[in-house]
């Protein structure tokens, strides 16, 4: 499980240091997103496996083929979704369970709840809070968004950036989605109000 980043650059300096490092390491990433959104997407992709793996009962979320299906949802930028999907496919597995990654427009996900998903990874910012809540409640899965404000708005989990980068959790939304997390994870995660 990746350890949350703890940089000693100070509150605003930590995020700036991370932005510079990630920009230098990853040219051309998700060109249609704003720079801060690109950085949040990269950090989110690094934390997502740990957050997915911190769910209690994750093996029960396998589909009929025995894999965890992750939907990468997008509205405005399919390019960002494709890059996120490639990064998630490289993981291969979480808790020794194989992953299958699909890319879907968020409107198609919202209209078709018959899919057997283990999680939804949001690849664009700006989705409506009601849509974030509806996705997790309709599918009863983790809706993860790395974008600022989305966890408080209705995503189940994401990232919190301050003097350290931590996973963020919306416990009320997790409860509505029927999800529970391991106590260790809940102890280190930032809880959204």
Protein backbone atom coordinates (compact mmCIF):
# COMPACT_ATOMS: atom_id res chain seq x y z
CA UNK A 1 0.00 0.00 0.00
CA UNK A 2 1.53 3.36 -0.96
CA UNK A 3 2.33 5.58 1.98
CA UNK A 4 0.76 9.08 1.92
CA UNK A 5 3.24 11.73 0.89
CA UNK A 6 4.60 13.89 3.69
CA UNK A 7 6.69 16.72 2.28
CA UNK A 8 8.50 19.17 4.51
CA UNK A 9 8.21 22.17 2.18
CA UNK A 10 5.40 23.79 4.18
CA UNK A 11 1.68 23.85 3.45
CA UNK A 12 1.69 25.59 0.06
CA UNK A 13 5.25 24.57 -0.76
CA UNK A 14 4.44 20.84 -0.52
CA UNK A 15 1.94 20.99 -3.33
CA UNK A 16 4.26 23.21 -5.42
CA UNK A 17 7.16 20.75 -4.96
CA UNK A 18 4.91 17.87 -6.01
CA UNK A 19 3.62 19.80 -9.01
CA UNK A 20 7.12 20.56 -10.22
CA UNK A 21 8.32 16.99 -9.76
CA UNK A 22 5.34 15.44 -11.49
CA UNK A 23 5.42 17.96 -14.33
CA UNK A 24 9.07 17.24 -14.95
CA UNK A 25 8.54 13.46 -14.85
CA UNK A 26 5.38 13.36 -16.98
CA UNK A 27 5.34 15.70 -19.98
CA UNK A 28 2.22 15.76 -22.15
CA UNK A 29 -0.13 14.32 -19.55
CA UNK A 30 -3.83 15.05 -19.96
CA UNK A 31 -3.28 18.22 -21.97
CA UNK A 32 -6.95 19.21 -21.85
CA UNK A 33 -6.92 19.61 -18.05
CA UNK A 34 -5.66 22.64 -16.15
CA UNK A 35 -2.18 22.13 -14.68
CA UNK A 36 -3.42 21.74 -11.09
CA UNK A 37 -6.05 19.25 -12.26
CA UNK A 38 -3.36 17.27 -14.11
CA UNK A 39 -1.32 17.06 -10.91
CA UNK A 40 -4.35 16.02 -8.87
CA UNK A 41 -5.15 13.34 -11.44
CA UNK A 42 -1.61 11.92 -11.21
CA UNK A 43 -1.61 11.95 -7.41
CA UNK A 44 -5.07 10.39 -7.40
CA UNK A 45 -3.89 7.57 -9.64
CA UNK A 46 -1.11 6.86 -7.14
CA UNK A 47 -3.47 6.80 -4.13
CA UNK A 48 -6.42 5.07 -5.79
CA UNK A 49 -5.12 1.47 -5.41
CA UNK A 50 -4.59 1.96 -1.67
CA UNK A 51 -8.07 3.44 -1.22
CA UNK A 52 -9.70 0.70 -3.31
CA UNK A 53 -7.76 -1.93 -1.34
CA UNK A 54 -8.79 -0.37 1.98
CA UNK A 55 -12.41 -1.39 1.44
CA UNK A 56 -13.72 -4.19 3.57
CA UNK A 57 -15.27 -6.95 1.49
CA UNK A 58 -13.53 -5.96 -1.76
CA UNK A 59 -13.40 -9.56 -3.09
CA UNK A 60 -17.21 -9.61 -3.11
CA UNK A 61 -17.16 -6.82 -5.71
CA UNK A 62 -15.65 -9.03 -8.43
CA UNK A 63 -17.75 -9.36 -11.55
CA UNK A 64 -18.84 -12.66 -13.16
CA UNK A 65 -15.35 -13.05 -14.66
CA UNK A 66 -13.75 -12.78 -11.21
CA UNK A 67 -12.14 -9.38 -11.80
CA UNK A 68 -12.66 -5.93 -10.33
CA UNK A 69 -14.11 -3.74 -13.07
CA UNK A 70 -13.05 -0.11 -12.79
CA UNK A 71 -14.92 2.45 -14.92
CA UNK A 72 -12.98 5.60 -15.77
CA UNK A 73 -15.70 8.20 -16.23
CA UNK A 74 -15.29 11.39 -18.21
CA UNK A 75 -17.36 14.22 -19.55
CA UNK A 76 -15.12 16.82 -21.14
CA UNK A 77 -11.81 15.09 -21.78
CA UNK A 78 -11.64 11.59 -23.17
CA UNK A 79 -7.88 12.13 -23.46
CA UNK A 80 -7.53 12.41 -19.67
CA UNK A 81 -9.72 9.32 -19.25
CA UNK A 82 -7.57 7.30 -21.67
CA UNK A 83 -4.40 8.28 -19.86
CA UNK A 84 -5.96 7.44 -16.48
CA UNK A 85 -7.16 4.09 -17.82
CA UNK A 86 -3.66 3.23 -19.08
CA UNK A 87 -2.21 4.01 -15.66
CA UNK A 88 -4.84 1.86 -13.92
CA UNK A 89 -4.32 -1.02 -16.36
CA UNK A 90 -0.62 -1.02 -15.46
CA UNK A 91 -1.56 -1.78 -11.84
CA UNK A 92 -2.82 -5.16 -12.95
CA UNK A 93 -4.39 -6.07 -9.61
CA UNK A 94 -5.43 -4.92 -6.15
CA UNK A 95 -5.47 -7.34 -3.21
CA UNK A 96 -4.32 -10.00 -5.68
CA UNK A 97 -7.53 -9.56 -7.71
CA UNK A 98 -7.15 -8.70 -11.39
CA UNK A 99 -8.47 -5.36 -12.65
CA UNK A 100 -10.43 -4.70 -15.83
CA UNK A 101 -10.60 -1.04 -16.84
CA UNK A 102 -13.22 0.53 -19.10
CA UNK A 103 -13.66 4.12 -20.23
CA UNK A 104 -17.21 5.47 -20.26
CA UNK A 105 -18.86 8.86 -20.64
CA UNK A 106 -20.36 9.78 -17.27
CA UNK A 107 -23.80 10.22 -18.84
CA UNK A 108 -23.74 6.61 -20.03
CA UNK A 109 -22.78 5.43 -16.55
CA UNK A 110 -25.57 7.49 -15.00
CA UNK A 111 -28.13 6.00 -17.39
CA UNK A 112 -27.08 2.31 -17.22
CA UNK A 113 -26.72 0.93 -13.68
CA UNK A 114 -26.74 -2.73 -14.76
CA UNK A 115 -22.94 -2.94 -15.03
CA UNK A 116 -21.13 -4.84 -12.28
CA UNK A 117 -18.50 -2.35 -11.16
CA UNK A 118 -16.04 -2.30 -8.27
CA UNK A 119 -15.24 1.42 -8.56
CA UNK A 120 -15.68 4.54 -10.67
CA UNK A 121 -12.65 6.77 -11.19
CA UNK A 122 -13.62 10.32 -12.20
CA UNK A 123 -11.19 11.69 -14.81
CA UNK A 124 -12.58 15.26 -15.17
CA UNK A 125 -13.39 18.01 -12.71
CA UNK A 126 -16.64 19.91 -12.55
CA UNK A 127 -19.19 17.10 -12.22
CA UNK A 128 -22.34 18.06 -10.38
CA UNK A 129 -22.52 16.99 -6.70
CA UNK A 130 -25.86 15.24 -7.29
CA UNK A 131 -24.29 13.17 -10.08
CA UNK A 132 -21.34 12.14 -7.89
CA UNK A 133 -23.74 11.04 -5.15
CA UNK A 134 -26.08 9.28 -7.56
CA UNK A 135 -23.28 7.21 -9.11
CA UNK A 136 -22.08 5.79 -5.79
CA UNK A 137 -25.61 5.13 -4.54
CA UNK A 138 -26.88 3.59 -7.79
CA UNK A 139 -23.87 1.28 -8.27
CA UNK A 140 -23.09 0.83 -4.55
CA UNK A 141 -19.37 1.33 -5.25
CA UNK A 142 -16.46 3.59 -4.54
CA UNK A 143 -16.65 6.79 -6.59
CA UNK A 144 -13.16 8.28 -6.48
CA UNK A 145 -12.40 11.81 -7.64
CA UNK A 146 -9.01 13.48 -7.17
CA UNK A 147 -10.42 16.93 -7.93
CA UNK A 148 -10.76 19.68 -5.34
CA UNK A 149 -14.11 19.79 -3.57
CA UNK A 150 -15.50 16.57 -5.07
CA UNK A 151 -15.27 14.50 -1.88
CA UNK A 152 -17.21 17.07 0.12
CA UNK A 153 -19.63 17.39 -2.82
CA UNK A 154 -20.51 13.71 -3.00
CA UNK A 155 -17.67 11.47 -4.18
CA UNK A 156 -16.88 8.70 -1.70
CA UNK A 157 -13.11 9.26 -1.76
CA UNK A 158 -10.35 11.38 -3.24
CA UNK A 159 -7.27 13.27 -2.11
CA UNK A 160 -6.63 16.01 0.44
CA UNK A 161 -3.74 18.37 -0.23
CA UNK A 162 -2.29 20.42 2.64
CA UNK A 163 1.15 20.09 4.23
CA UNK A 164 0.83 16.38 3.38
CA UNK A 165 -1.10 14.57 0.70
CA UNK A 166 -3.63 12.23 2.26
CA UNK A 167 -6.54 10.14 1.08
CA UNK A 168 -9.89 11.83 1.72
CA UNK A 169 -13.14 10.07 2.59
CA UNK A 170 -16.77 11.11 2.76
CA UNK A 171 -18.07 8.68 5.38
CA UNK A 172 -21.69 9.68 4.97
CA UNK A 173 -21.55 9.01 1.24
CA UNK A 174 -19.69 5.73 1.85
CA UNK A 175 -22.50 4.70 4.19
CA UNK A 176 -25.13 5.56 1.55
CA UNK A 177 -23.21 3.44 -0.97
CA UNK A 178 -23.04 0.53 1.49
CA UNK A 179 -19.24 0.69 1.74
CA UNK A 180 -17.01 0.25 4.76
CA UNK A 181 -13.28 0.76 5.13
CA UNK A 182 -10.55 -0.77 7.26
CA UNK A 183 -9.90 1.04 10.55
CA UNK A 184 -6.25 1.79 9.67
CA UNK A 185 -7.33 3.62 6.53
CA UNK A 186 -9.98 5.58 8.39
CA UNK A 187 -7.31 6.61 10.91
CA UNK A 188 -5.05 8.19 8.28
CA UNK A 189 -7.66 9.56 5.87
CA UNK A 190 -8.89 13.14 5.95
CA UNK A 191 -12.62 13.08 6.68
CA UNK A 192 -14.74 15.40 4.53
CA UNK A 193 -17.36 17.53 6.25
